[in-house]
């Protein structure tokens, strides 16, 4: 492994971490900028669930805004991340995340914890690694009242 590849791998891992941190602080504009201009977000419930798509930075921004901004609290915990393919300008990888959103439901604060697997395609554009495509697979969700 070359120094350049090690640096690229670190930058890709940082991209994943920053994405989660920006969701937690509801900085959705900055979060959307982590995707390529024509970036694609796919999401599905379970591996055999129907795949839904959101394409382009503007649409991603609205989706992030609709998801995290209404929540009272947002918390992401990233787990393991591996690259399954690496090239100088493209890479693919898998990352795991536990994402908790607290929202008010019928006057009660409900914490919904989503256990997520990201299957990512990254592109180095203008010298910067961005998410070209992310498939978010919700493995399962737990909900509980927040006290």
N, C-alpha and C. Protein backbone atom coordinates (compact mmCIF):
# COMPACT_ATOMS: atom_id res chain seq x y z
N UNK A 1 0.85 -1.18 0.00
CA UNK A 1 0.00 0.00 0.00
C UNK A 1 0.89 1.24 0.00
N UNK A 2 0.59 2.16 -0.89
CA UNK A 2 1.39 3.37 -1.00
C UNK A 2 0.93 4.43 0.02
N UNK A 3 1.76 5.44 0.20
CA UNK A 3 1.40 6.56 1.07
C UNK A 3 0.14 7.24 0.55
N UNK A 4 0.04 7.39 -0.76
CA UNK A 4 -1.15 8.02 -1.36
C UNK A 4 -2.40 7.22 -1.05
N UNK A 5 -2.32 5.91 -1.19
CA UNK A 5 -3.49 5.08 -0.88
C UNK A 5 -3.85 5.18 0.60
N UNK A 6 -2.87 5.16 1.47
CA UNK A 6 -3.17 5.30 2.91
C UNK A 6 -3.85 6.63 3.19
N UNK A 7 -3.35 7.70 2.56
CA UNK A 7 -3.95 9.01 2.76
C UNK A 7 -5.38 9.04 2.22
N UNK A 8 -5.60 8.45 1.05
CA UNK A 8 -6.94 8.39 0.47
C UNK A 8 -7.89 7.62 1.39
N UNK A 9 -7.44 6.51 1.91
CA UNK A 9 -8.27 5.71 2.81
C UNK A 9 -8.64 6.52 4.06
N UNK A 10 -7.70 7.27 4.59
CA UNK A 10 -7.99 8.11 5.75
C UNK A 10 -9.00 9.20 5.39
N UNK A 11 -8.87 9.80 4.22
CA UNK A 11 -9.80 10.85 3.79
C UNK A 11 -11.20 10.29 3.59
N UNK A 12 -11.31 9.09 3.05
CA UNK A 12 -12.61 8.45 2.86
C UNK A 12 -13.25 8.14 4.21
N UNK A 13 -12.47 7.63 5.15
CA UNK A 13 -13.00 7.35 6.49
C UNK A 13 -13.46 8.65 7.15
N UNK A 14 -12.68 9.72 7.01
CA UNK A 14 -13.06 11.01 7.56
C UNK A 14 -14.36 11.51 6.94
N UNK A 15 -14.55 11.29 5.65
CA UNK A 15 -15.78 11.67 4.95
C UNK A 15 -16.99 11.01 5.62
N UNK A 16 -16.87 9.74 5.94
CA UNK A 16 -17.95 9.01 6.60
C UNK A 16 -18.22 9.59 7.98
N UNK A 17 -17.18 9.90 8.72
CA UNK A 17 -17.34 10.45 10.07
C UNK A 17 -17.96 11.84 10.01
N UNK A 18 -17.48 12.68 9.11
CA UNK A 18 -18.00 14.05 9.00
C UNK A 18 -19.48 14.03 8.60
N UNK A 19 -19.86 13.13 7.70
CA UNK A 19 -21.27 13.00 7.31
C UNK A 19 -22.14 12.79 8.54
N UNK A 20 -21.75 11.89 9.42
CA UNK A 20 -22.52 11.61 10.64
C UNK A 20 -22.52 12.80 11.59
N UNK A 21 -21.37 13.43 11.76
CA UNK A 21 -21.29 14.59 12.66
C UNK A 21 -22.19 15.72 12.19
N UNK A 22 -22.21 15.97 10.90
CA UNK A 22 -23.04 17.04 10.36
C UNK A 22 -24.53 16.72 10.52
N UNK A 23 -24.90 15.46 10.43
CA UNK A 23 -26.29 15.08 10.69
C UNK A 23 -26.65 15.38 12.14
N UNK A 24 -25.74 15.07 13.05
CA UNK A 24 -26.00 15.29 14.48
C UNK A 24 -26.20 16.77 14.81
N UNK A 25 -25.49 17.63 14.11
CA UNK A 25 -25.60 19.07 14.37
C UNK A 25 -26.58 19.75 13.40
N UNK A 26 -27.23 18.94 12.57
CA UNK A 26 -28.24 19.39 11.62
C UNK A 26 -27.70 20.41 10.61
N UNK A 27 -26.44 20.27 10.25
CA UNK A 27 -25.82 21.13 9.23
C UNK A 27 -26.02 20.46 7.87
N UNK A 28 -27.27 20.44 7.44
CA UNK A 28 -27.65 19.67 6.26
C UNK A 28 -27.06 20.21 4.96
N UNK A 29 -26.83 21.52 4.89
CA UNK A 29 -26.21 22.07 3.68
C UNK A 29 -24.80 21.51 3.50
N UNK A 30 -24.04 21.49 4.58
CA UNK A 30 -22.68 20.94 4.52
C UNK A 30 -22.72 19.44 4.28
N UNK A 31 -23.71 18.78 4.84
CA UNK A 31 -23.86 17.34 4.65
C UNK A 31 -24.10 17.03 3.17
N UNK A 32 -24.97 17.78 2.52
CA UNK A 32 -25.26 17.55 1.10
C UNK A 32 -24.02 17.78 0.24
N UNK A 33 -23.17 18.71 0.65
CA UNK A 33 -21.95 19.01 -0.11
C UNK A 33 -20.94 17.85 -0.10
N UNK A 34 -21.15 16.87 0.77
CA UNK A 34 -20.27 15.71 0.81
C UNK A 34 -20.59 14.72 -0.31
N UNK A 35 -21.69 14.97 -1.02
CA UNK A 35 -22.07 14.16 -2.18
C UNK A 35 -21.61 14.87 -3.45
N UNK A 36 -21.31 14.09 -4.47
CA UNK A 36 -21.05 14.66 -5.80
C UNK A 36 -22.31 15.41 -6.24
N UNK A 37 -22.14 16.37 -7.14
CA UNK A 37 -23.28 17.17 -7.60
C UNK A 37 -24.42 16.30 -8.10
N UNK A 38 -24.10 15.21 -8.79
CA UNK A 38 -25.12 14.28 -9.30
C UNK A 38 -25.24 13.04 -8.41
N UNK A 39 -24.86 13.17 -7.15
CA UNK A 39 -24.84 12.05 -6.23
C UNK A 39 -26.19 11.36 -6.08
N UNK A 40 -26.13 10.10 -5.70
CA UNK A 40 -27.33 9.28 -5.57
C UNK A 40 -27.37 8.67 -4.17
N UNK A 41 -28.53 8.81 -3.52
CA UNK A 41 -28.77 8.14 -2.25
C UNK A 41 -29.90 7.15 -2.46
N UNK A 42 -29.61 5.90 -2.18
CA UNK A 42 -30.63 4.85 -2.22
C UNK A 42 -30.89 4.42 -0.78
N UNK A 43 -32.14 4.05 -0.49
CA UNK A 43 -32.40 3.50 0.84
C UNK A 43 -33.43 2.40 0.74
N UNK A 44 -33.31 1.46 1.66
CA UNK A 44 -34.19 0.30 1.67
C UNK A 44 -34.31 -0.23 3.09
N UNK A 45 -35.43 -0.88 3.36
CA UNK A 45 -35.67 -1.52 4.64
C UNK A 45 -35.30 -2.99 4.49
N UNK A 46 -34.18 -3.41 5.08
CA UNK A 46 -33.70 -4.77 4.92
C UNK A 46 -33.07 -4.97 3.55
N UNK A 47 -32.32 -6.05 3.42
CA UNK A 47 -31.62 -6.30 2.16
C UNK A 47 -32.55 -6.60 1.00
N UNK A 48 -33.76 -7.09 1.30
CA UNK A 48 -34.69 -7.42 0.22
C UNK A 48 -35.78 -6.38 0.06
N UNK A 49 -35.65 -5.24 0.76
CA UNK A 49 -36.66 -4.18 0.65
C UNK A 49 -36.57 -3.42 -0.66
N UNK A 50 -37.68 -2.78 -0.99
CA UNK A 50 -37.73 -1.95 -2.20
C UNK A 50 -36.71 -0.81 -2.07
N UNK A 51 -36.02 -0.52 -3.16
CA UNK A 51 -35.00 0.53 -3.17
C UNK A 51 -35.62 1.84 -3.64
N UNK A 52 -35.47 2.88 -2.82
CA UNK A 52 -35.94 4.21 -3.16
C UNK A 52 -34.72 5.07 -3.46
N UNK A 53 -34.86 6.04 -4.37
CA UNK A 53 -33.72 6.85 -4.81
C UNK A 53 -33.97 8.34 -4.63
N UNK A 54 -32.89 9.03 -4.26
CA UNK A 54 -32.86 10.49 -4.23
C UNK A 54 -31.60 10.88 -5.00
N UNK A 55 -31.76 11.69 -6.05
CA UNK A 55 -30.62 12.00 -6.93
C UNK A 55 -30.38 13.51 -6.98
N UNK A 56 -29.12 13.88 -6.88
CA UNK A 56 -28.71 15.27 -7.01
C UNK A 56 -28.64 15.98 -5.67
N UNK A 57 -27.69 16.89 -5.56
CA UNK A 57 -27.44 17.60 -4.31
C UNK A 57 -28.66 18.34 -3.77
N UNK A 58 -29.40 19.01 -4.65
CA UNK A 58 -30.57 19.79 -4.19
C UNK A 58 -31.61 18.87 -3.57
N UNK A 59 -31.89 17.75 -4.20
CA UNK A 59 -32.86 16.79 -3.66
C UNK A 59 -32.35 16.16 -2.37
N UNK A 60 -31.05 15.89 -2.31
CA UNK A 60 -30.45 15.33 -1.09
C UNK A 60 -30.58 16.32 0.07
N UNK A 61 -30.33 17.59 -0.22
CA UNK A 61 -30.45 18.61 0.81
C UNK A 61 -31.86 18.62 1.39
N UNK A 62 -32.86 18.58 0.55
CA UNK A 62 -34.25 18.58 1.04
C UNK A 62 -34.55 17.32 1.83
N UNK A 63 -34.04 16.18 1.40
CA UNK A 63 -34.26 14.93 2.13
C UNK A 63 -33.59 14.98 3.50
N UNK A 64 -32.36 15.48 3.58
CA UNK A 64 -31.67 15.58 4.87
C UNK A 64 -32.42 16.56 5.78
N UNK A 65 -32.85 17.66 5.20
CA UNK A 65 -33.60 18.66 5.97
C UNK A 65 -34.88 18.04 6.54
N UNK A 66 -35.60 17.27 5.75
CA UNK A 66 -36.85 16.66 6.18
C UNK A 66 -36.64 15.54 7.21
N UNK A 67 -35.46 14.95 7.21
CA UNK A 67 -35.18 13.84 8.12
C UNK A 67 -34.66 14.30 9.47
N UNK A 68 -33.59 15.09 9.47
CA UNK A 68 -32.94 15.42 10.75
C UNK A 68 -33.42 16.71 11.38
N UNK A 69 -33.84 17.67 10.61
CA UNK A 69 -34.22 18.97 11.19
C UNK A 69 -35.44 18.89 12.11
N UNK A 70 -36.47 18.11 11.80
CA UNK A 70 -37.60 18.04 12.72
C UNK A 70 -37.29 17.30 14.04
N UNK A 71 -36.26 16.48 14.05
CA UNK A 71 -35.93 15.71 15.25
C UNK A 71 -35.44 16.63 16.37
N UNK A 72 -35.80 16.28 17.60
CA UNK A 72 -35.35 17.05 18.76
C UNK A 72 -33.87 16.80 19.03
N UNK A 73 -33.45 15.56 18.82
CA UNK A 73 -32.05 15.17 19.02
C UNK A 73 -31.67 14.17 17.93
N UNK A 74 -30.41 14.24 17.53
CA UNK A 74 -29.89 13.31 16.52
C UNK A 74 -28.52 12.84 16.99
N UNK A 75 -28.28 11.53 16.91
CA UNK A 75 -27.00 10.99 17.36
C UNK A 75 -26.60 9.82 16.47
N UNK A 76 -25.41 9.90 15.90
CA UNK A 76 -24.87 8.82 15.07
C UNK A 76 -23.62 8.24 15.74
N UNK A 77 -23.51 6.94 15.67
CA UNK A 77 -22.32 6.24 16.15
C UNK A 77 -21.83 5.35 15.01
N UNK A 78 -20.67 5.67 14.45
CA UNK A 78 -20.13 4.89 13.34
C UNK A 78 -19.38 3.67 13.85
N UNK A 79 -19.50 2.59 13.10
CA UNK A 79 -18.78 1.36 13.43
C UNK A 79 -17.71 1.09 12.39
N UNK A 80 -17.52 -0.16 12.08
CA UNK A 80 -16.45 -0.55 11.17
C UNK A 80 -16.71 -0.04 9.76
N UNK A 81 -15.62 0.25 9.07
CA UNK A 81 -15.67 0.66 7.67
C UNK A 81 -14.54 -0.05 6.94
N UNK A 82 -14.87 -0.64 5.81
CA UNK A 82 -13.86 -1.29 4.98
C UNK A 82 -14.03 -0.85 3.53
N UNK A 83 -12.93 -0.73 2.84
CA UNK A 83 -12.99 -0.48 1.40
C UNK A 83 -12.92 -1.83 0.70
N UNK A 84 -13.84 -2.05 -0.21
CA UNK A 84 -13.88 -3.30 -0.96
C UNK A 84 -13.19 -3.17 -2.31
N UNK A 85 -13.01 -1.91 -2.76
CA UNK A 85 -12.30 -1.63 -4.01
C UNK A 85 -11.68 -0.25 -3.88
N UNK A 86 -10.44 -0.13 -4.33
CA UNK A 86 -9.75 1.16 -4.26
C UNK A 86 -9.06 1.44 -5.59
N UNK A 87 -9.23 2.66 -6.08
CA UNK A 87 -8.49 3.18 -7.22
C UNK A 87 -8.14 4.62 -6.92
N UNK A 88 -7.31 5.21 -7.73
CA UNK A 88 -6.84 6.57 -7.45
C UNK A 88 -7.95 7.61 -7.49
N UNK A 89 -9.02 7.35 -8.24
CA UNK A 89 -10.11 8.33 -8.33
C UNK A 89 -11.48 7.75 -7.98
N UNK A 90 -11.56 6.46 -7.71
CA UNK A 90 -12.81 5.82 -7.33
C UNK A 90 -12.54 4.76 -6.29
N UNK A 91 -13.51 4.59 -5.40
CA UNK A 91 -13.40 3.54 -4.38
C UNK A 91 -14.80 3.10 -3.99
N UNK A 92 -14.89 1.92 -3.40
CA UNK A 92 -16.16 1.40 -2.89
C UNK A 92 -15.91 0.85 -1.50
N UNK A 93 -16.94 0.94 -0.66
CA UNK A 93 -16.77 0.44 0.69
C UNK A 93 -18.09 0.20 1.39
N UNK A 94 -17.96 -0.38 2.58
CA UNK A 94 -19.10 -0.68 3.43
C UNK A 94 -18.81 -0.10 4.81
N UNK A 95 -19.81 0.56 5.37
CA UNK A 95 -19.69 1.13 6.71
C UNK A 95 -20.97 0.85 7.48
N UNK A 96 -20.84 0.73 8.79
CA UNK A 96 -21.99 0.50 9.66
C UNK A 96 -22.20 1.70 10.57
N UNK A 97 -23.46 1.95 10.90
CA UNK A 97 -23.80 3.12 11.70
C UNK A 97 -25.04 2.82 12.55
N UNK A 98 -25.04 3.36 13.74
CA UNK A 98 -26.21 3.35 14.60
C UNK A 98 -26.70 4.79 14.68
N UNK A 99 -27.88 5.06 14.15
CA UNK A 99 -28.40 6.43 14.08
C UNK A 99 -29.66 6.52 14.92
N UNK A 100 -29.65 7.44 15.90
CA UNK A 100 -30.80 7.63 16.78
C UNK A 100 -31.37 9.02 16.57
N UNK A 101 -32.67 9.08 16.36
CA UNK A 101 -33.39 10.34 16.24
C UNK A 101 -34.49 10.36 17.30
N UNK A 102 -34.55 11.43 18.06
CA UNK A 102 -35.58 11.60 19.08
C UNK A 102 -36.60 12.60 18.53
N UNK A 103 -37.85 12.16 18.47
CA UNK A 103 -38.93 13.01 17.96
C UNK A 103 -40.12 12.94 18.90
N UNK A 104 -40.93 13.98 18.87
CA UNK A 104 -42.13 13.99 19.70
C UNK A 104 -43.25 13.28 18.97
N UNK A 105 -43.86 12.30 19.63
CA UNK A 105 -44.98 11.55 19.09
C UNK A 105 -46.06 11.52 20.16
N UNK A 106 -47.21 12.09 19.86
CA UNK A 106 -48.33 12.14 20.81
C UNK A 106 -47.91 12.69 22.17
N UNK A 107 -47.10 13.74 22.14
CA UNK A 107 -46.69 14.40 23.38
C UNK A 107 -45.58 13.71 24.14
N UNK A 108 -45.04 12.63 23.59
CA UNK A 108 -43.94 11.89 24.23
C UNK A 108 -42.72 11.92 23.33
N UNK A 109 -41.54 11.97 23.95
CA UNK A 109 -40.30 11.89 23.18
C UNK A 109 -39.98 10.42 22.91
N UNK A 110 -39.91 10.07 21.62
CA UNK A 110 -39.64 8.70 21.20
C UNK A 110 -38.27 8.67 20.51
N UNK A 111 -37.40 7.80 21.00
CA UNK A 111 -36.09 7.60 20.38
C UNK A 111 -36.19 6.40 19.44
N UNK A 112 -35.93 6.65 18.17
CA UNK A 112 -35.90 5.58 17.17
C UNK A 112 -34.43 5.35 16.80
N UNK A 113 -33.93 4.18 17.10
CA UNK A 113 -32.54 3.83 16.80
C UNK A 113 -32.53 2.91 15.59
N UNK A 114 -31.85 3.38 14.54
CA UNK A 114 -31.74 2.64 13.29
C UNK A 114 -30.35 2.03 13.19
N UNK A 115 -30.31 0.76 12.88
CA UNK A 115 -29.05 0.05 12.67
C UNK A 115 -28.86 -0.06 11.16
N UNK A 116 -27.82 0.60 10.66
CA UNK A 116 -27.69 0.88 9.23
C UNK A 116 -26.39 0.32 8.66
N UNK A 117 -26.48 -0.14 7.43
CA UNK A 117 -25.30 -0.52 6.65
C UNK A 117 -25.27 0.38 5.42
N UNK A 118 -24.16 1.08 5.24
CA UNK A 118 -23.95 1.91 4.06
C UNK A 118 -23.09 1.14 3.06
N UNK A 119 -23.53 1.08 1.83
CA UNK A 119 -22.72 0.56 0.74
C UNK A 119 -22.42 1.76 -0.14
N UNK A 120 -21.17 2.19 -0.13
CA UNK A 120 -20.79 3.46 -0.72
C UNK A 120 -19.91 3.30 -1.96
N UNK A 121 -20.09 4.26 -2.87
CA UNK A 121 -19.21 4.45 -4.02
C UNK A 121 -18.68 5.88 -3.88
N UNK A 122 -17.38 6.01 -3.83
CA UNK A 122 -16.73 7.31 -3.66
C UNK A 122 -16.04 7.72 -4.95
N UNK A 123 -15.96 9.02 -5.16
CA UNK A 123 -15.26 9.55 -6.34
C UNK A 123 -14.37 10.70 -5.87
N UNK A 124 -13.16 10.75 -6.39
CA UNK A 124 -12.26 11.86 -6.11
C UNK A 124 -12.46 12.89 -7.22
N UNK A 125 -13.07 14.02 -6.84
CA UNK A 125 -13.43 15.06 -7.81
C UNK A 125 -12.75 16.35 -7.37
N UNK A 126 -11.96 16.93 -8.26
CA UNK A 126 -11.26 18.16 -7.91
C UNK A 126 -10.32 17.98 -6.72
N UNK A 127 -9.75 16.77 -6.60
CA UNK A 127 -8.81 16.49 -5.52
C UNK A 127 -9.45 16.18 -4.18
N UNK A 128 -10.78 16.04 -4.15
CA UNK A 128 -11.50 15.81 -2.89
C UNK A 128 -12.39 14.58 -3.03
N UNK A 129 -12.37 13.70 -2.03
CA UNK A 129 -13.23 12.53 -2.04
C UNK A 129 -14.66 12.93 -1.68
N UNK A 130 -15.62 12.47 -2.48
CA UNK A 130 -17.04 12.72 -2.26
C UNK A 130 -17.81 11.40 -2.38
N UNK A 131 -19.01 11.40 -1.85
CA UNK A 131 -19.88 10.24 -2.00
C UNK A 131 -20.58 10.36 -3.35
N UNK A 132 -20.35 9.40 -4.23
CA UNK A 132 -21.01 9.38 -5.53
C UNK A 132 -22.36 8.67 -5.41
N UNK A 133 -22.36 7.59 -4.64
CA UNK A 133 -23.59 6.81 -4.44
C UNK A 133 -23.52 6.17 -3.06
N UNK A 134 -24.63 6.24 -2.35
CA UNK A 134 -24.72 5.59 -1.04
C UNK A 134 -26.03 4.82 -0.97
N UNK A 135 -25.93 3.53 -0.71
CA UNK A 135 -27.14 2.74 -0.43
C UNK A 135 -27.21 2.58 1.08
N UNK A 136 -28.28 3.09 1.65
CA UNK A 136 -28.53 2.98 3.09
C UNK A 136 -29.50 1.84 3.29
N UNK A 137 -29.03 0.78 3.94
CA UNK A 137 -29.87 -0.37 4.24
C UNK A 137 -30.18 -0.35 5.72
N UNK A 138 -31.46 -0.16 6.05
CA UNK A 138 -31.89 -0.18 7.45
C UNK A 138 -32.06 -1.64 7.84
N UNK A 139 -31.14 -2.14 8.66
CA UNK A 139 -31.17 -3.55 9.05
C UNK A 139 -32.31 -3.82 10.03
N UNK A 140 -32.47 -2.94 11.02
CA UNK A 140 -33.62 -2.98 11.91
C UNK A 140 -33.67 -1.69 12.71
N UNK A 141 -34.82 -1.46 13.32
CA UNK A 141 -35.05 -0.23 14.09
C UNK A 141 -35.67 -0.59 15.42
N UNK A 142 -35.24 0.08 16.47
CA UNK A 142 -35.83 -0.05 17.79
C UNK A 142 -36.37 1.31 18.22
N UNK A 143 -37.56 1.32 18.79
CA UNK A 143 -38.14 2.57 19.28
C UNK A 143 -38.46 2.42 20.76
N UNK A 144 -38.23 3.51 21.49
CA UNK A 144 -38.51 3.49 22.94
C UNK A 144 -38.79 4.92 23.39
N UNK A 145 -39.52 5.02 24.48
CA UNK A 145 -39.80 6.35 25.01
C UNK A 145 -38.53 6.88 25.68
N UNK A 146 -38.25 8.14 25.42
CA UNK A 146 -37.07 8.80 25.98
C UNK A 146 -37.52 9.50 27.27
N UNK A 147 -36.87 9.19 28.36
CA UNK A 147 -37.24 9.81 29.64
C UNK A 147 -36.20 10.78 30.09
